[in-house]
C-alpha cells in the first residue's frame, strides 16, 4: 500500500503566505516511509494535499505537525503522524 504524508507547518510560517525558503524546502521534503510528501501551511493546503494524494492512488495518507526553524532553515516535525480519513 502506497503511503503519503502531509507535513503541516503551523508554527514559524505565515499560514497564508508561503515564503521562498518553504518553496525550496518543498522540493526537498522527504519523510521516512512515505512514497509521497506534501508541505502545507494552512488547513486548506492540508485538504488539497489529501485530495491530491487520494486522486493519485495513495490509499494511506497521514499528517504530521511541524514548525519552521528560521535559524536552521529546516522543518522540524513534532509528534507522530495521524492517519486522515474522509
PDB file of N, CA and C in Angstrom:
ATOM      1  N   UNK A   1       0.841  -1.171   0.000  1.00  0.00           N
ATOM      2  CA  UNK A   1       0.000   0.000   0.000  1.00  0.00           C
ATOM      3  C   UNK A   1       0.890   1.240   0.000  1.00  0.00           C
ATOM      4  N   UNK A   2       0.632   2.128  -0.942  1.00  0.00           N
ATOM      5  CA  UNK A   2       1.413   3.358  -1.022  1.00  0.00           C
ATOM      6  C   UNK A   2       0.949   4.339   0.042  1.00  0.00           C
ATOM      7  N   UNK A   3       1.920   5.028   0.642  1.00  0.00           N
ATOM      8  CA  UNK A   3       1.653   5.942   1.744  1.00  0.00           C
ATOM      9  C   UNK A   3       2.102   7.353   1.385  1.00  0.00           C
ATOM     10  N   UNK A   4       1.278   8.321   1.757  1.00  0.00           N
ATOM     11  CA  UNK A   4       1.626   9.722   1.584  1.00  0.00           C
ATOM     12  C   UNK A   4       1.605  10.421   2.928  1.00  0.00           C
ATOM     13  N   UNK A   5       2.403  11.462   3.054  1.00  0.00           N
ATOM     14  CA  UNK A   5       2.447  12.230   4.298  1.00  0.00           C
ATOM     15  C   UNK A   5       2.316  13.715   3.976  1.00  0.00           C
ATOM     16  N   UNK A   6       1.501  14.395   4.757  1.00  0.00           N
ATOM     17  CA  UNK A   6       1.361  15.838   4.648  1.00  0.00           C
ATOM     18  C   UNK A   6       2.052  16.434   5.868  1.00  0.00           C
ATOM     19  N   UNK A   7       3.024  17.277   5.626  1.00  0.00           N
ATOM     20  CA  UNK A   7       3.727  17.951   6.716  1.00  0.00           C
ATOM     21  C   UNK A   7       3.097  19.329   6.857  1.00  0.00           C
ATOM     22  N   UNK A   8       2.340  19.520   7.933  1.00  0.00           N
ATOM     23  CA  UNK A   8       1.604  20.759   8.165  1.00  0.00           C
ATOM     24  C   UNK A   8       2.449  21.696   9.018  1.00  0.00           C
ATOM     25  N   UNK A   9       3.012  22.710   8.390  1.00  0.00           N
ATOM     26  CA  UNK A   9       3.857  23.696   9.068  1.00  0.00           C
ATOM     27  C   UNK A   9       2.937  24.775   9.633  1.00  0.00           C
ATOM     28  N   UNK A  10       2.693  24.719  10.955  1.00  0.00           N
ATOM     29  CA  UNK A  10       1.772  25.688  11.547  1.00  0.00           C
ATOM     30  C   UNK A  10       2.450  26.662  12.501  1.00  0.00           C
ATOM     31  N   UNK A  11       3.756  26.565  12.692  1.00  0.00           N
ATOM     32  CA  UNK A  11       4.496  27.488  13.547  1.00  0.00           C
ATOM     33  C   UNK A  11       5.739  27.932  12.781  1.00  0.00           C
ATOM     34  N   UNK A  12       5.983  29.226  12.786  1.00  0.00           N
ATOM     35  CA  UNK A  12       7.184  29.740  12.148  1.00  0.00           C
ATOM     36  C   UNK A  12       6.979  30.142  10.698  1.00  0.00           C
ATOM     37  N   UNK A  13       5.787  29.917  10.163  1.00  0.00           N
ATOM     38  CA  UNK A  13       5.481  30.325   8.793  1.00  0.00           C
ATOM     39  C   UNK A  13       4.134  31.026   8.802  1.00  0.00           C
ATOM     40  N   UNK A  14       4.038  32.079   8.039  1.00  0.00           N
ATOM     41  CA  UNK A  14       2.757  32.760   7.916  1.00  0.00           C
ATOM     42  C   UNK A  14       1.779  31.792   7.262  1.00  0.00           C
ATOM     43  N   UNK A  15       0.645  31.497   7.894  1.00  0.00           N
ATOM     44  CA  UNK A  15      -0.251  30.462   7.384  1.00  0.00           C
ATOM     45  C   UNK A  15      -0.742  30.667   5.959  1.00  0.00           C
ATOM     46  N   UNK A  16      -0.904  31.881   5.508  1.00  0.00           N
ATOM     47  CA  UNK A  16      -1.461  32.088   4.175  1.00  0.00           C
ATOM     48  C   UNK A  16      -0.427  32.498   3.132  1.00  0.00           C
ATOM     49  N   UNK A  17       0.771  32.827   3.545  1.00  0.00           N
ATOM     50  CA  UNK A  17       1.800  33.249   2.602  1.00  0.00           C
ATOM     51  C   UNK A  17       2.977  32.297   2.686  1.00  0.00           C
ATOM     52  N   UNK A  18       3.324  31.703   1.558  1.00  0.00           N
ATOM     53  CA  UNK A  18       4.450  30.774   1.523  1.00  0.00           C
ATOM     54  C   UNK A  18       5.716  31.550   1.183  1.00  0.00           C
ATOM     55  N   UNK A  19       6.747  31.364   1.997  1.00  0.00           N
ATOM     56  CA  UNK A  19       7.998  32.072   1.763  1.00  0.00           C
ATOM     57  C   UNK A  19       8.844  31.318   0.747  1.00  0.00           C
ATOM     58  N   UNK A  20       9.866  31.980   0.236  1.00  0.00           N
ATOM     59  CA  UNK A  20      10.766  31.355  -0.731  1.00  0.00           C
ATOM     60  C   UNK A  20      11.508  30.180  -0.094  1.00  0.00           C
ATOM     61  N   UNK A  21      11.834  30.300   1.201  1.00  0.00           N
ATOM     62  CA  UNK A  21      12.515  29.201   1.886  1.00  0.00           C
ATOM     63  C   UNK A  21      11.643  27.952   1.910  1.00  0.00           C
ATOM     64  N   UNK A  22      10.347  28.120   2.186  1.00  0.00           N
ATOM     65  CA  UNK A  22       9.453  26.971   2.215  1.00  0.00           C
ATOM     66  C   UNK A  22       9.267  26.374   0.824  1.00  0.00           C
ATOM     67  N   UNK A  23       9.234  27.215  -0.194  1.00  0.00           N
ATOM     68  CA  UNK A  23       9.103  26.706  -1.559  1.00  0.00           C
ATOM     69  C   UNK A  23      10.304  25.838  -1.923  1.00  0.00           C
ATOM     70  N   UNK A  24      11.506  26.252  -1.529  1.00  0.00           N
ATOM     71  CA  UNK A  24      12.685  25.448  -1.844  1.00  0.00           C
ATOM     72  C   UNK A  24      12.717  24.171  -1.011  1.00  0.00           C
ATOM     73  N   UNK A  25      12.216  24.246   0.227  1.00  0.00           N
ATOM     74  CA  UNK A  25      12.173  23.049   1.071  1.00  0.00           C
ATOM     75  C   UNK A  25      11.158  22.030   0.567  1.00  0.00           C
ATOM     76  N   UNK A  26      10.115  22.506  -0.093  1.00  0.00           N
ATOM     77  CA  UNK A  26       9.087  21.584  -0.580  1.00  0.00           C
ATOM     78  C   UNK A  26       9.660  20.608  -1.599  1.00  0.00           C
ATOM     79  N   UNK A  27      10.594  21.066  -2.415  1.00  0.00           N
ATOM     80  CA  UNK A  27      11.192  20.171  -3.403  1.00  0.00           C
ATOM     81  C   UNK A  27      12.098  19.133  -2.740  1.00  0.00           C
ATOM     82  N   UNK A  28      12.584  19.425  -1.535  1.00  0.00           N
ATOM     83  CA  UNK A  28      13.467  18.514  -0.814  1.00  0.00           C
ATOM     84  C   UNK A  28      12.742  17.724   0.268  1.00  0.00           C
ATOM     85  N   UNK A  29      11.447  17.977   0.433  1.00  0.00           N
ATOM     86  CA  UNK A  29      10.693  17.351   1.522  1.00  0.00           C
ATOM     87  C   UNK A  29      10.690  15.832   1.367  1.00  0.00           C
ATOM     88  N   UNK A  30      10.997  15.175   2.453  1.00  0.00           N
ATOM     89  CA  UNK A  30      11.007  13.721   2.474  1.00  0.00           C
ATOM     90  C   UNK A  30      10.699  13.287   3.899  1.00  0.00           C
ATOM     91  N   UNK A  31       9.951  12.213   4.020  1.00  0.00           N
ATOM     92  CA  UNK A  31       9.602  11.688   5.335  1.00  0.00           C
ATOM     93  C   UNK A  31       9.837  10.194   5.294  1.00  0.00           C
ATOM     94  N   UNK A  32      10.477   9.618   6.297  1.00  0.00           N
ATOM     95  CA  UNK A  32      10.798   8.188   6.272  1.00  0.00           C
ATOM     96  C   UNK A  32       9.548   7.327   6.108  1.00  0.00           C
ATOM     97  N   UNK A  33       9.577   6.432   5.152  1.00  0.00           N
ATOM     98  CA  UNK A  33       8.480   5.504   4.932  1.00  0.00           C
ATOM     99  C   UNK A  33       7.372   6.019   4.043  1.00  0.00           C
ATOM    100  N   UNK A  34       7.463   7.262   3.589  1.00  0.00           N
ATOM    101  CA  UNK A  34       6.417   7.828   2.737  1.00  0.00           C
ATOM    102  C   UNK A  34       6.820   7.739   1.269  1.00  0.00           C
ATOM    103  N   UNK A  35       5.858   7.393   0.429  1.00  0.00           N
ATOM    104  CA  UNK A  35       6.093   7.366  -1.009  1.00  0.00           C
ATOM    105  C   UNK A  35       5.973   8.762  -1.625  1.00  0.00           C
ATOM    106  N   UNK A  36       5.172   9.621  -0.991  1.00  0.00           N
ATOM    107  CA  UNK A  36       4.989  10.985  -1.474  1.00  0.00           C
ATOM    108  C   UNK A  36       4.828  11.912  -0.274  1.00  0.00           C
ATOM    109  N   UNK A  37       5.390  13.116  -0.383  1.00  0.00           N
ATOM    110  CA  UNK A  37       5.343  14.091   0.709  1.00  0.00           C
ATOM    111  C   UNK A  37       4.867  15.430   0.172  1.00  0.00           C
ATOM    112  N   UNK A  38       3.992  16.098   0.945  1.00  0.00           N
ATOM    113  CA  UNK A  38       3.489  17.425   0.592  1.00  0.00           C
ATOM    114  C   UNK A  38       3.647  18.332   1.806  1.00  0.00           C
ATOM    115  N   UNK A  39       4.122  19.553   1.587  1.00  0.00           N
ATOM    116  CA  UNK A  39       4.174  20.562   2.649  1.00  0.00           C
ATOM    117  C   UNK A  39       2.902  21.397   2.590  1.00  0.00           C
ATOM    118  N   UNK A  40       2.317  21.687   3.741  1.00  0.00           N
ATOM    119  CA  UNK A  40       1.120  22.520   3.809  1.00  0.00           C
ATOM    120  C   UNK A  40       1.339  23.603   4.861  1.00  0.00           C
ATOM    121  N   UNK A  41       0.851  24.819   4.572  1.00  0.00           N
ATOM    122  CA  UNK A  41       0.993  25.937   5.503  1.00  0.00           C
ATOM    123  C   UNK A  41      -0.351  26.440   6.001  1.00  0.00           C
ATOM    124  N   UNK A  42      -1.442  25.799   5.600  1.00  0.00           N
ATOM    125  CA  UNK A  42      -2.773  26.200   6.050  1.00  0.00           C
ATOM    126  C   UNK A  42      -3.675  24.971   6.023  1.00  0.00           C
ATOM    127  N   UNK A  43      -4.793  25.022   6.742  1.00  0.00           N
ATOM    128  CA  UNK A  43      -5.732  23.890   6.693  1.00  0.00           C
ATOM    129  C   UNK A  43      -6.238  23.612   5.282  1.00  0.00           C
ATOM    130  N   UNK A  44      -6.393  24.649   4.465  1.00  0.00           N
ATOM    131  CA  UNK A  44      -6.837  24.445   3.083  1.00  0.00           C
ATOM    132  C   UNK A  44      -5.797  23.658   2.286  1.00  0.00           C
ATOM    133  N   UNK A  45      -4.524  23.916   2.530  1.00  0.00           N
ATOM    134  CA  UNK A  45      -3.475  23.175   1.830  1.00  0.00           C
ATOM    135  C   UNK A  45      -3.403  21.731   2.306  1.00  0.00           C
ATOM    136  N   UNK A  46      -3.745  21.480   3.575  1.00  0.00           N
ATOM    137  CA  UNK A  46      -3.812  20.108   4.075  1.00  0.00           C
ATOM    138  C   UNK A  46      -4.906  19.356   3.314  1.00  0.00           C
ATOM    139  N   UNK A  47      -6.076  19.975   3.167  1.00  0.00           N
ATOM    140  CA  UNK A  47      -7.173  19.359   2.430  1.00  0.00           C
ATOM    141  C   UNK A  47      -6.799  19.113   0.971  1.00  0.00           C
ATOM    142  N   UNK A  48      -6.166  20.090   0.363  1.00  0.00           N
ATOM    143  CA  UNK A  48      -5.749  19.945  -1.024  1.00  0.00           C
ATOM    144  C   UNK A  48      -4.730  18.816  -1.174  1.00  0.00           C
ATOM    145  N   UNK A  49      -3.761  18.734  -0.259  1.00  0.00           N
ATOM    146  CA  UNK A  49      -2.759  17.670  -0.306  1.00  0.00           C
ATOM    147  C   UNK A  49      -3.377  16.298  -0.144  1.00  0.00           C
ATOM    148  N   UNK A  50      -4.341  16.182   0.761  1.00  0.00           N
ATOM    149  CA  UNK A  50      -5.033  14.906   0.961  1.00  0.00           C
ATOM    150  C   UNK A  50      -5.767  14.504  -0.315  1.00  0.00           C
ATOM    151  N   UNK A  51      -6.511  15.440  -0.900  1.00  0.00           N
ATOM    152  CA  UNK A  51      -7.247  15.150  -2.129  1.00  0.00           C
ATOM    153  C   UNK A  51      -6.293  14.744  -3.249  1.00  0.00           C
ATOM    154  N   UNK A  52      -5.188  15.465  -3.391  1.00  0.00           N
ATOM    155  CA  UNK A  52      -4.215  15.176  -4.444  1.00  0.00           C
ATOM    156  C   UNK A  52      -3.636  13.768  -4.303  1.00  0.00           C
ATOM    157  N   UNK A  53      -3.318  13.386  -3.075  1.00  0.00           N
ATOM    158  CA  UNK A  53      -2.751  12.055  -2.862  1.00  0.00           C
ATOM    159  C   UNK A  53      -3.769  10.952  -3.119  1.00  0.00           C
ATOM    160  N   UNK A  54      -4.996  11.148  -2.671  1.00  0.00           N
ATOM    161  CA  UNK A  54      -6.040  10.149  -2.916  1.00  0.00           C
ATOM    162  C   UNK A  54      -6.307  10.028  -4.417  1.00  0.00           C
ATOM    163  N   UNK A  55      -6.315  11.152  -5.133  1.00  0.00           N
ATOM    164  CA  UNK A  55      -6.536  11.136  -6.578  1.00  0.00           C
ATOM    165  C   UNK A  55      -5.402  10.429  -7.311  1.00  0.00           C
ATOM    166  N   UNK A  56      -4.211  10.438  -6.757  1.00  0.00           N
ATOM    167  CA  UNK A  56      -3.057   9.757  -7.360  1.00  0.00           C
ATOM    168  C   UNK A  56      -2.985   8.279  -6.981  1.00  0.00           C
ATOM    169  N   UNK A  57      -3.909   7.825  -6.161  1.00  0.00           N
ATOM    170  CA  UNK A  57      -3.955   6.404  -5.835  1.00  0.00           C
ATOM    171  C   UNK A  57      -3.306   6.007  -4.523  1.00  0.00           C
ATOM    172  N   UNK A  58      -2.885   6.960  -3.721  1.00  0.00           N
ATOM    173  CA  UNK A  58      -2.325   6.623  -2.414  1.00  0.00           C
ATOM    174  C   UNK A  58      -3.480   6.284  -1.477  1.00  0.00           C
ATOM    175  N   UNK A  59      -3.414   5.142  -0.840  1.00  0.00           N
ATOM    176  CA  UNK A  59      -4.520   4.679  -0.009  1.00  0.00           C
ATOM    177  C   UNK A  59      -4.340   5.018   1.461  1.00  0.00           C
ATOM    178  N   UNK A  60      -3.136   5.324   1.875  1.00  0.00           N
ATOM    179  CA  UNK A  60      -2.883   5.701   3.262  1.00  0.00           C
ATOM    180  C   UNK A  60      -2.261   7.090   3.247  1.00  0.00           C
ATOM    181  N   UNK A  61      -2.973   8.057   3.813  1.00  0.00           N
ATOM    182  CA  UNK A  61      -2.482   9.428   3.868  1.00  0.00           C
ATOM    183  C   UNK A  61      -2.434   9.839   5.338  1.00  0.00           C
ATOM    184  N   UNK A  62      -1.272  10.326   5.759  1.00  0.00           N
ATOM    185  CA  UNK A  62      -1.079  10.751   7.138  1.00  0.00           C
ATOM    186  C   UNK A  62      -0.672  12.216   7.171  1.00  0.00           C
ATOM    187  N   UNK A  63      -0.858  12.840   8.335  1.00  0.00           N
ATOM    188  CA  UNK A  63      -0.494  14.240   8.512  1.00  0.00           C
ATOM    189  C   UNK A  63       0.302  14.378   9.804  1.00  0.00           C
ATOM    190  N   UNK A  64       1.366  15.145   9.748  1.00  0.00           N
ATOM    191  CA  UNK A  64       2.180  15.417  10.931  1.00  0.00           C
ATOM    192  C   UNK A  64       2.374  16.928  11.036  1.00  0.00           C
ATOM    193  N   UNK A  65       2.325  17.430  12.256  1.00  0.00           N
ATOM    194  CA  UNK A  65       2.501  18.861  12.516  1.00  0.00           C
ATOM    195  C   UNK A  65       3.998  19.153  12.598  1.00  0.00           C
ATOM    196  N   UNK A  66       4.373  20.328  12.110  1.00  0.00           N
ATOM    197  CA  UNK A  66       5.784  20.711  12.121  1.00  0.00           C
ATOM    198  C   UNK A  66       5.904  22.214  12.345  1.00  0.00           C
ATOM    199  N   UNK A  67       7.122  22.625  12.636  1.00  0.00           N
ATOM    200  CA  UNK A  67       7.416  24.056  12.739  1.00  0.00           C
ATOM    201  C   UNK A  67       8.587  24.359  11.823  1.00  0.00           C
ATOM    202  N   UNK A  68       8.662  25.588  11.375  1.00  0.00           N
ATOM    203  CA  UNK A  68       9.757  26.018  10.521  1.00  0.00           C
ATOM    204  C   UNK A  68      10.787  26.730  11.376  1.00  0.00           C
ATOM    205  N   UNK A  69      11.990  26.195  11.435  1.00  0.00           N
ATOM    206  CA  UNK A  69      13.086  26.782  12.191  1.00  0.00           C
ATOM    207  C   UNK A  69      13.822  27.757  11.272  1.00  0.00           C
ATOM    208  N   UNK A  70      13.639  29.052  11.516  1.00  0.00           N
ATOM    209  CA  UNK A  70      14.218  30.064  10.634  1.00  0.00           C
ATOM    210  C   UNK A  70      15.740  30.131  10.726  1.00  0.00           C
ATOM    211  N   UNK A  71      16.304  29.789  11.872  1.00  0.00           N
ATOM    212  CA  UNK A  71      17.764  29.850  12.021  1.00  0.00           C
ATOM    213  C   UNK A  71      18.440  28.752  11.208  1.00  0.00           C
ATOM    214  N   UNK A  72      17.917  27.563  11.266  1.00  0.00           N
ATOM    215  CA  UNK A  72      18.497  26.440  10.523  1.00  0.00           C
ATOM    216  C   UNK A  72      17.905  26.287   9.132  1.00  0.00           C
ATOM    217  N   UNK A  73      16.825  27.033   8.863  1.00  0.00           N
ATOM    218  CA  UNK A  73      16.096  26.921   7.605  1.00  0.00           C
ATOM    219  C   UNK A  73      15.709  25.467   7.346  1.00  0.00           C
ATOM    220  N   UNK A  74      15.074  24.904   8.358  1.00  0.00           N
ATOM    221  CA  UNK A  74      14.670  23.499   8.289  1.00  0.00           C
ATOM    222  C   UNK A  74      13.287  23.325   8.894  1.00  0.00           C
ATOM    223  N   UNK A  75      12.628  22.273   8.486  1.00  0.00           N
ATOM    224  CA  UNK A  75      11.325  21.929   9.035  1.00  0.00           C
ATOM    225  C   UNK A  75      11.526  20.844  10.075  1.00  0.00           C
ATOM    226  N   UNK A  76      10.990  21.080  11.270  1.00  0.00           N
ATOM    227  CA  UNK A  76      11.137  20.155  12.388  1.00  0.00           C
ATOM    228  C   UNK A  76       9.754  19.609  12.737  1.00  0.00           C
ATOM    229  N   UNK A  77       9.566  18.301  12.584  1.00  0.00           N
ATOM    230  CA  UNK A  77       8.265  17.709  12.888  1.00  0.00           C
ATOM    231  C   UNK A  77       8.114  17.528  14.386  1.00  0.00           C
ATOM    232  N   UNK A  78       6.836  17.541  14.829  1.00  0.00           N
ATOM    233  CA  UNK A  78       6.525  17.386  16.247  1.00  0.00           C
ATOM    234  C   UNK A  78       5.481  16.290  16.378  1.00  0.00           C
ATOM    235  N   UNK A  79       5.758  15.305  17.185  1.00  0.00           N
ATOM    236  CA  UNK A  79       4.791  14.242  17.440  1.00  0.00           C
ATOM    237  C   UNK A  79       4.741  13.206  16.343  1.00  0.00           C
ATOM    238  N   UNK A  80       3.754  12.353  16.439  1.00  0.00           N
ATOM    239  CA  UNK A  80       3.585  11.257  15.499  1.00  0.00           C
ATOM    240  C   UNK A  80       2.536  11.643  14.443  1.00  0.00           C
ATOM    241  N   UNK A  81       2.670  11.108  13.230  1.00  0.00           N
ATOM    242  CA  UNK A  81       1.651  11.393  12.213  1.00  0.00           C
ATOM    243  C   UNK A  81       0.326  10.698  12.551  1.00  0.00           C
ATOM    244  N   UNK A  82      -0.762  11.334  12.118  1.00  0.00           N
ATOM    245  CA  UNK A  82      -2.094  10.741  12.285  1.00  0.00           C
ATOM    246  C   UNK A  82      -2.654  10.449  10.896  1.00  0.00           C
ATOM    247  N   UNK A  83      -3.394   9.373  10.794  1.00  0.00           N
ATOM    248  CA  UNK A  83      -3.972   8.987   9.519  1.00  0.00           C
ATOM    249  C   UNK A  83      -5.217   9.819   9.239  1.00  0.00           C
ATOM    250  N   UNK A  84      -5.350  10.285   7.993  1.00  0.00           N
ATOM    251  CA  UNK A  84      -6.500  11.076   7.588  1.00  0.00           C
ATOM    252  C   UNK A  84      -7.521  10.167   6.918  1.00  0.00           C
ATOM    253  N   UNK A  85      -8.762  10.348   7.269  1.00  0.00           N
ATOM    254  CA  UNK A  85      -9.875   9.602   6.676  1.00  0.00           C
ATOM    255  C   UNK A  85     -10.867  10.592   6.118  1.00  0.00           C
ATOM    256  N   UNK A  86     -11.644  10.143   5.158  1.00  0.00           N
ATOM    257  CA  UNK A  86     -12.671  11.044   4.656  1.00  0.00           C
ATOM    258  C   UNK A  86     -13.459  10.457   3.530  1.00  0.00           C
TER     259      UNK A  86
END
